Amino acid sequence: MESDIIKLITYGIRFVQAIAGAYAAFKISTYAIGYMTKNQRKIEEAKDGMKNVAIGVVVVAGCEAAVQWLQKGIHF
């Protein structure tokens, strides 16, 4: 019973990681296009956006540590 709950949480976190990774790739590509423009305002927005995406990727990667902790703590 307990291992089923842990597996469900693990799969949920993996699903969120996959969606977040795809969304981060999409946002980085749109910010890269904005960064290549000559408009200074868009360049600044792109820099800020890239920082936010990087922070989001770090948070999502932190979820991997949570998954590893759950898997090692329950021993399955």
C-alpha atoms as a PDB file:
ATOM      1  CA  MET A   1       0.000   0.000   0.000  1.00  0.00           C
ATOM      2  CA  GLU A   2       2.705   2.440   1.016  1.00  0.00           C
ATOM      3  CA  SER A   3       4.854   1.628  -2.012  1.00  0.00           C
ATOM      4  CA  ASP A   4       1.871   2.231  -4.310  1.00  0.00           C
ATOM      5  CA  ILE A   5       1.461   5.728  -2.897  1.00  0.00           C
ATOM      6  CA  ILE A   6       5.178   6.414  -3.343  1.00  0.00           C
ATOM      7  CA  LYS A   7       5.019   5.146  -6.938  1.00  0.00           C
ATOM      8  CA  LEU A   8       2.033   7.399  -7.629  1.00  0.00           C
ATOM      9  CA  ILE A   9       3.860  10.420  -6.201  1.00  0.00           C
ATOM     10  CA  THR A  10       6.988   9.506  -8.172  1.00  0.00           C
ATOM     11  CA  TYR A  11       5.085   9.205 -11.444  1.00  0.00           C
ATOM     12  CA  GLY A  12       3.314  12.494 -10.739  1.00  0.00           C
ATOM     13  CA  ILE A  13       6.605  14.275 -10.155  1.00  0.00           C
ATOM     14  CA  ARG A  14       8.114  12.726 -13.295  1.00  0.00           C
ATOM     15  CA  PHE A  15       5.100  13.899 -15.310  1.00  0.00           C
ATOM     16  CA  VAL A  16       5.473  17.443 -13.979  1.00  0.00           C
ATOM     17  CA  GLN A  17       9.206  17.333 -14.754  1.00  0.00           C
ATOM     18  CA  ALA A  18       8.528  16.305 -18.353  1.00  0.00           C
ATOM     19  CA  ILE A  19       5.946  19.051 -18.865  1.00  0.00           C
ATOM     20  CA  ALA A  20       8.163  21.655 -17.179  1.00  0.00           C
ATOM     21  CA  GLY A  21      11.157  20.634 -19.306  1.00  0.00           C
ATOM     22  CA  ALA A  22       9.187  20.929 -22.523  1.00  0.00           C
ATOM     23  CA  TYR A  23       7.768  24.283 -21.482  1.00  0.00           C
ATOM     24  CA  ALA A  24      11.238  25.535 -20.488  1.00  0.00           C
ATOM     25  CA  ALA A  25      12.611  24.575 -23.899  1.00  0.00           C
ATOM     26  CA  PHE A  26       9.749  26.410 -25.585  1.00  0.00           C
ATOM     27  CA  LYS A  27      10.229  29.550 -23.481  1.00  0.00           C
ATOM     28  CA  ILE A  28      14.008  29.553 -23.974  1.00  0.00           C
ATOM     29  CA  SER A  29      13.493  29.390 -27.728  1.00  0.00           C
ATOM     30  CA  THR A  30      11.046  32.307 -27.681  1.00  0.00           C
ATOM     31  CA  TYR A  31      13.363  34.337 -25.442  1.00  0.00           C
ATOM     32  CA  ALA A  32      16.287  33.533 -27.758  1.00  0.00           C
ATOM     33  CA  ILE A  33      14.356  34.966 -30.692  1.00  0.00           C
ATOM     34  CA  GLY A  34      13.601  38.075 -28.637  1.00  0.00           C
ATOM     35  CA  TYR A  35      17.243  38.332 -27.634  1.00  0.00           C
ATOM     36  CA  MET A  36      18.330  38.427 -31.273  1.00  0.00           C
ATOM     37  CA  THR A  37      16.224  41.506 -32.057  1.00  0.00           C
ATOM     38  CA  LYS A  38      17.594  45.024 -32.152  1.00  0.00           C
ATOM     39  CA  ASN A  39      14.909  46.291 -29.762  1.00  0.00           C
ATOM     40  CA  GLN A  40      16.633  46.978 -26.418  1.00  0.00           C
ATOM     41  CA  ARG A  41      13.403  46.496 -24.430  1.00  0.00           C
ATOM     42  CA  LYS A  42      12.880  43.016 -25.896  1.00  0.00           C
ATOM     43  CA  ILE A  43      16.494  42.113 -25.160  1.00  0.00           C
ATOM     44  CA  GLU A  44      16.054  43.052 -21.495  1.00  0.00           C
ATOM     45  CA  GLU A  45      12.781  41.112 -21.313  1.00  0.00           C
ATOM     46  CA  ALA A  46      14.517  38.107 -22.843  1.00  0.00           C
ATOM     47  CA  LYS A  47      17.351  38.277 -20.299  1.00  0.00           C
ATOM     48  CA  ASP A  48      14.879  38.430 -17.416  1.00  0.00           C
ATOM     49  CA  GLY A  49      12.843  35.619 -18.909  1.00  0.00           C
ATOM     50  CA  MET A  50      15.900  33.416 -19.324  1.00  0.00           C
ATOM     51  CA  LYS A  51      16.797  33.977 -15.667  1.00  0.00           C
ATOM     52  CA  ASN A  52      13.281  32.939 -14.644  1.00  0.00           C
ATOM     53  CA  VAL A  53      13.438  29.814 -16.802  1.00  0.00           C
ATOM     54  CA  ALA A  54      16.797  28.893 -15.268  1.00  0.00           C
ATOM     55  CA  ILE A  55      15.335  29.259 -11.767  1.00  0.00           C
ATOM     56  CA  GLY A  56      12.391  27.087 -12.785  1.00  0.00           C
ATOM     57  CA  VAL A  57      14.680  24.387 -14.150  1.00  0.00           C
ATOM     58  CA  VAL A  58      16.630  24.384 -10.873  1.00  0.00           C
ATOM     59  CA  VAL A  59      13.378  23.939  -8.928  1.00  0.00           C
ATOM     60  CA  VAL A  60      12.277  21.087 -11.184  1.00  0.00           C
ATOM     61  CA  ALA A  61      15.709  19.465 -10.821  1.00  0.00           C
ATOM     62  CA  GLY A  62      15.257  19.747  -7.059  1.00  0.00           C
ATOM     63  CA  CYS A  63      12.192  17.568  -7.433  1.00  0.00           C
ATOM     64  CA  GLU A  64      14.492  14.841  -8.693  1.00  0.00           C
ATOM     65  CA  ALA A  65      16.260  14.942  -5.333  1.00  0.00           C
ATOM     66  CA  ALA A  66      12.873  14.511  -3.655  1.00  0.00           C
ATOM     67  CA  VAL A  67      12.110  11.500  -5.848  1.00  0.00           C
ATOM     68  CA  GLN A  68      15.458   9.908  -5.045  1.00  0.00           C
ATOM     69  CA  TRP A  69      14.920  10.558  -1.341  1.00  0.00           C
ATOM     70  CA  LEU A  70      11.486   8.950  -1.441  1.00  0.00           C
ATOM     71  CA  GLN A  71      12.753   5.918  -3.337  1.00  0.00           C
ATOM     72  CA  LYS A  72      15.733   5.365  -1.058  1.00  0.00           C
ATOM     73  CA  GLY A  73      13.762   6.048   2.103  1.00  0.00           C
ATOM     74  CA  ILE A  74      11.137   3.390   1.341  1.00  0.00           C
ATOM     75  CA  HIS A  75      13.617   0.882  -0.190  1.00  0.00           C
ATOM     76  CA  PHE A  76      11.719  -0.222  -3.273  1.00  0.00           C
END
